[in-house]
Amino acid sequence: MGFEFIKTELKEGIGTITLNRPPLNILNIAMMEEINKALEEFADQKIKLLVFKAEGKAFSAGVDVGEHMGDLAPKMIEVFHGMFRNMDKVGAPSIAVVNGAALGGGCELVVYCDLVIASDKAKIGQPEINVGVFPPIAALIFPRIIGRKKAAELILSGDVISAEEAKEIGLVNVVVPHDKLEEEAEKFIQKFAKNSGIVMRYTKMAMLAGLKEAQDAALKEIEDIYLNKLMKTQDATEGLQAFLDKRKPEWKEC
């Protein structure tokens, strides 16, 4: 099946999804629906590895802010979180190859992957707090990966950090020179591709077994907070609108 905003490839058991909405690969609903479709197809094919790459100068600068607002917000959350639920259904170990900035929803897609290799020019971060919202997937997964204290610092400040710092705190596995990323990513992928696909799927299943039930319940609670509490505040509307207007937000609530 052809796609407008992504490219897909299945070769020797490795399913690759390449974000292809350059230069920044902003994740709009249409693009995320394509990603979900590709993930559903890979789930049916029982792939060995799932790889995310990107065209352009950024891995992804995040989800389309205009689709966070009003009546589109529930649809956006449904489709966005569908990507992570579908990644779980694929079951194969997932690898993100990060060629540039991964911010907001782009950062969440990266850190949800089991393994991450990044260019030394890459930056990651969750700046949502600066526009009056929070990142639901990061709220779920950051504390599980890097602990509550550092997770709180990054999510509540909106700081954007270098790939090297992300490696130091456990969000990235490997950092390589930018001009060597493609070559080094292939070597990294092959470390895992040589193993049995079914054994790796069961191994991943075992690693997640202690988290999965609690994680599913937690994501549902986070979605409720996001849609039924946060998005009904004046400040969420103000922050998102200010971003679209290219001005500083004027916070009204405390």
Protein backbone atom coordinates (compact mmCIF):
# COMPACT_ATOMS: atom_id res chain seq x y z
CA MET A 1 0.00 0.00 0.00
CA GLY A 2 1.31 3.46 -0.91
CA PHE A 3 1.56 6.21 1.68
CA GLU A 4 1.80 9.99 1.38
CA PHE A 5 3.70 10.87 4.55
CA ILE A 6 5.75 7.77 5.34
CA LYS A 7 7.82 5.16 3.54
CA THR A 8 7.81 1.50 4.54
CA GLU A 9 10.08 -1.41 3.82
CA LEU A 10 10.11 -5.05 4.88
CA LYS A 11 13.43 -6.75 4.20
CA GLU A 12 14.85 -9.86 5.82
CA GLY A 13 12.36 -9.61 8.66
CA ILE A 14 13.13 -5.95 9.44
CA GLY A 15 10.14 -3.65 9.09
CA THR A 16 11.15 -0.02 8.61
CA ILE A 17 8.91 3.03 8.83
CA THR A 18 10.53 6.24 7.57
CA LEU A 19 8.85 9.52 8.48
CA ASN A 20 8.63 11.43 5.21
CA ARG A 21 7.06 14.81 5.83
CA PRO A 22 10.21 16.96 5.69
CA PRO A 23 11.74 19.13 6.80
CA LEU A 24 10.39 18.68 10.36
CA ASN A 25 8.11 15.64 10.06
CA ILE A 26 5.29 17.26 12.02
CA LEU A 27 2.93 14.44 13.02
CA ASN A 28 -0.55 15.37 11.85
CA ILE A 29 -3.52 13.02 12.16
CA ALA A 30 -3.27 11.87 8.54
CA MET A 31 0.39 10.96 8.96
CA MET A 32 -0.22 9.12 12.23
CA GLU A 33 -3.07 7.18 10.64
CA GLU A 34 -0.59 6.01 8.01
CA ILE A 35 1.88 4.96 10.71
CA ASN A 36 -0.89 3.01 12.44
CA LYS A 37 -1.80 1.28 9.18
CA ALA A 38 1.83 0.31 8.59
CA LEU A 39 2.15 -0.99 12.16
CA GLU A 40 -1.00 -3.08 11.74
CA GLU A 41 0.46 -4.59 8.58
CA PHE A 42 3.75 -5.37 10.30
CA ALA A 43 1.89 -6.95 13.23
CA ASP A 44 0.21 -9.35 10.79
CA GLN A 45 3.57 -10.27 9.27
CA LYS A 46 5.36 -11.12 12.54
CA ILE A 47 8.48 -9.11 11.79
CA LYS A 48 11.82 -9.60 13.55
CA LEU A 49 12.62 -5.92 14.22
CA LEU A 50 10.72 -2.63 13.90
CA VAL A 51 12.81 0.37 12.87
CA PHE A 52 11.82 4.05 12.77
CA LYS A 53 13.85 6.47 10.64
CA ALA A 54 13.19 9.92 9.19
CA GLU A 55 13.85 12.02 6.10
CA GLY A 56 14.65 15.71 6.45
CA LYS A 57 16.63 17.67 9.00
CA ALA A 58 14.61 16.53 12.03
CA PHE A 59 13.39 13.15 13.19
CA SER A 60 10.14 14.87 14.20
CA ALA A 61 9.38 18.22 15.77
CA GLY A 62 6.20 16.80 17.30
CA VAL A 63 2.46 16.57 16.80
CA ASP A 64 0.61 19.30 14.87
CA VAL A 65 -0.31 21.85 17.54
CA GLY A 66 -3.42 22.93 15.67
CA GLU A 67 -4.80 19.40 16.06
CA HIS A 68 -4.40 19.54 19.85
CA MET A 69 -7.26 21.99 20.08
CA GLY A 70 -11.03 21.91 20.33
CA ASP A 71 -12.96 19.02 18.86
CA LEU A 72 -9.84 17.56 17.22
CA ALA A 73 -8.06 16.87 20.53
CA PRO A 74 -9.80 13.53 21.31
CA LYS A 75 -9.16 12.29 17.76
CA MET A 76 -5.54 13.39 17.92
CA ILE A 77 -4.97 11.55 21.23
CA GLU A 78 -6.72 8.44 19.92
CA VAL A 79 -4.59 8.29 16.77
CA PHE A 80 -1.36 9.35 18.48
CA HIS A 81 -1.68 6.82 21.30
CA GLY A 82 -2.77 4.25 18.73
CA MET A 83 0.81 4.27 17.45
CA PHE A 84 2.16 3.09 20.80
CA ARG A 85 -0.58 0.52 21.28
CA ASN A 86 0.13 -0.79 17.79
CA MET A 87 3.86 -0.91 18.50
CA ASP A 88 3.01 -3.17 21.43
CA LYS A 89 0.90 -5.35 19.14
CA VAL A 90 3.78 -5.71 16.67
CA GLY A 91 5.69 -7.28 19.55
CA ALA A 92 9.10 -7.06 17.88
CA PRO A 93 11.94 -5.09 19.46
CA SER A 94 11.85 -1.52 18.15
CA ILE A 95 14.76 0.72 17.22
CA ALA A 96 14.71 4.48 16.59
CA VAL A 97 17.39 6.02 14.36
CA VAL A 98 17.44 9.70 15.29
CA ASN A 99 18.98 12.02 12.70
CA GLY A 100 18.02 15.41 14.21
CA ALA A 101 15.63 17.01 16.66
CA ALA A 102 13.04 14.74 18.27
CA LEU A 103 10.66 16.98 20.18
CA GLY A 104 7.24 16.56 21.75
CA GLY A 105 5.44 13.66 20.12
CA GLY A 106 8.60 12.93 18.12
CA CYS A 107 10.54 12.50 21.34
CA GLU A 108 7.81 10.23 22.71
CA LEU A 109 8.00 8.04 19.61
CA VAL A 110 11.77 7.76 20.04
CA VAL A 111 11.85 6.96 23.74
CA TYR A 112 8.99 4.45 23.48
CA CYS A 113 11.23 2.38 21.21
CA ASP A 114 13.24 -0.31 22.98
CA LEU A 115 16.54 0.89 21.55
CA VAL A 116 17.77 4.26 20.25
CA ILE A 117 20.79 5.21 18.15
CA ALA A 118 21.24 8.94 17.60
CA SER A 119 23.41 11.39 15.70
CA ASP A 120 25.63 13.61 17.82
CA LYS A 121 23.63 16.52 16.37
CA ALA A 122 20.32 15.14 17.64
CA LYS A 123 18.38 16.82 20.42
CA ILE A 124 15.40 15.51 22.33
CA GLY A 125 12.89 17.08 24.66
CA GLN A 126 9.30 17.54 25.74
CA PRO A 127 8.54 21.28 25.44
CA GLU A 128 4.75 20.83 25.78
CA ILE A 129 4.65 22.46 29.23
CA ASN A 130 5.65 25.74 27.56
CA VAL A 131 2.46 25.76 25.51
CA GLY A 132 0.14 24.80 28.35
CA VAL A 133 -0.14 21.02 28.00
CA PHE A 134 1.85 17.94 29.01
CA PRO A 135 3.17 14.92 27.06
CA PRO A 136 1.03 11.89 28.00
CA ILE A 137 3.38 9.17 26.72
CA ALA A 138 6.41 10.81 28.33
CA ALA A 139 4.46 11.09 31.58
CA LEU A 140 3.92 7.34 31.33
CA ILE A 141 7.34 6.17 30.18
CA PHE A 142 9.96 8.68 31.40
CA PRO A 143 9.68 7.77 35.11
CA ARG A 144 10.00 4.09 34.19
CA ILE A 145 13.20 4.71 32.22
CA ILE A 146 15.05 7.50 34.02
CA GLY A 147 13.31 7.73 37.40
CA ARG A 148 10.85 10.18 38.86
CA LYS A 149 13.25 13.04 39.67
CA LYS A 150 14.85 13.46 36.25
CA ALA A 151 11.54 12.76 34.53
CA ALA A 152 9.92 15.56 36.51
CA GLU A 153 12.76 17.94 35.66
CA LEU A 154 12.52 17.34 31.92
CA ILE A 155 8.73 17.26 31.64
CA LEU A 156 8.02 20.20 33.96
CA SER A 157 10.77 22.44 32.52
CA GLY A 158 10.40 21.59 28.83
CA ASP A 159 14.19 21.42 28.56
CA VAL A 160 15.66 20.15 25.31
CA ILE A 161 18.83 18.09 25.83
CA SER A 162 21.63 16.82 23.62
CA ALA A 163 21.87 13.24 22.42
CA GLU A 164 24.91 12.78 24.65
CA GLU A 165 23.02 13.88 27.77
CA ALA A 166 20.11 11.67 26.74
CA LYS A 167 22.56 8.77 26.56
CA GLU A 168 23.94 9.56 30.01
CA ILE A 169 20.48 9.35 31.60
CA GLY A 170 19.38 6.25 29.70
CA LEU A 171 17.05 7.61 27.01
CA VAL A 172 19.49 6.82 24.19
CA ASN A 173 21.71 3.74 23.76
CA VAL A 174 24.33 4.93 21.29
CA VAL A 175 25.48 8.32 19.96
CA VAL A 176 27.52 8.42 16.74
CA PRO A 177 28.95 11.15 14.47
CA HIS A 178 26.23 12.67 12.30
CA ASP A 179 27.92 11.75 9.03
CA LYS A 180 28.26 8.12 10.19
CA LEU A 181 24.69 7.67 11.39
CA GLU A 182 23.42 5.59 8.49
CA GLU A 183 26.45 3.29 8.53
CA GLU A 184 26.49 2.90 12.31
CA ALA A 185 22.72 2.42 12.48
CA GLU A 186 22.98 -0.52 10.08
CA LYS A 187 25.67 -2.10 12.25
CA PHE A 188 23.54 -1.52 15.35
CA ILE A 189 20.45 -3.04 13.75
CA GLN A 190 22.41 -6.10 12.62
CA LYS A 191 23.47 -6.82 16.21
CA PHE A 192 19.85 -7.83 16.81
CA ALA A 193 18.81 -8.95 13.33
CA LYS A 194 21.10 -12.00 13.59
CA ASN A 195 18.95 -13.39 16.42
CA SER A 196 15.75 -15.42 16.22
CA GLY A 197 12.71 -13.23 15.68
CA ILE A 198 10.37 -15.33 17.80
CA VAL A 199 12.92 -15.59 20.60
CA MET A 200 13.36 -11.81 20.62
CA ARG A 201 9.57 -11.28 20.67
CA TYR A 202 9.17 -13.60 23.64
CA THR A 203 12.15 -11.98 25.35
CA LYS A 204 10.60 -8.53 24.93
CA MET A 205 7.29 -9.91 26.16
CA ALA A 206 9.02 -11.24 29.28
CA MET A 207 10.80 -7.94 29.95
CA LEU A 208 7.51 -6.05 29.74
CA ALA A 209 5.43 -8.61 31.63
CA GLY A 210 5.94 -6.92 34.98
CA LEU A 211 4.90 -3.53 33.61
CA LYS A 212 2.22 -4.13 31.02
CA GLU A 213 -0.96 -4.37 33.10
CA ALA A 214 -0.05 -1.35 35.18
CA GLN A 215 1.10 0.52 32.06
CA ASP A 216 -2.17 -0.04 30.20
CA ALA A 217 -4.21 1.19 33.17
CA ALA A 218 -1.88 4.14 33.69
CA LEU A 219 -2.17 5.30 30.08
CA LYS A 220 -5.98 5.26 30.30
CA GLU A 221 -5.83 7.39 33.45
CA ILE A 222 -3.36 9.79 31.82
CA GLU A 223 -5.65 10.13 28.79
CA ASP A 224 -8.56 10.99 31.10
CA ILE A 225 -6.49 13.69 32.84
CA TYR A 226 -5.36 15.11 29.49
CA LEU A 227 -8.73 15.23 27.75
CA ASN A 228 -11.19 15.74 30.62
CA LYS A 229 -9.17 17.95 32.96
CA LEU A 230 -6.20 19.63 31.26
CA MET A 231 -7.90 20.40 27.93
CA LYS A 232 -10.83 22.07 29.70
CA THR A 233 -8.58 24.68 31.33
CA GLN A 234 -8.18 28.23 30.02
CA ASP A 235 -4.40 27.90 30.14
CA ALA A 236 -4.27 24.89 27.83
CA THR A 237 -6.28 26.79 25.22
CA GLU A 238 -4.22 29.94 25.75
CA GLY A 239 -0.88 28.12 25.50
CA LEU A 240 -1.73 26.32 22.30
CA GLN A 241 -3.27 29.40 20.68
CA ALA A 242 -0.25 31.51 21.67
CA PHE A 243 2.04 28.98 19.96
CA LEU A 244 -0.01 29.21 16.77
CA ASP A 245 -0.02 33.03 17.04
CA LYS A 246 3.77 33.08 17.65
CA ARG A 247 3.46 35.03 20.89
CA LYS A 248 4.12 34.43 24.58
CA PRO A 249 1.18 32.88 26.45
CA GLU A 250 -0.59 34.85 29.17
CA TRP A 251 -1.38 32.31 31.90
CA LYS A 252 -4.69 32.91 33.65
CA GLU A 253 -5.04 30.03 36.13
CA CYS A 254 -2.95 28.79 39.04
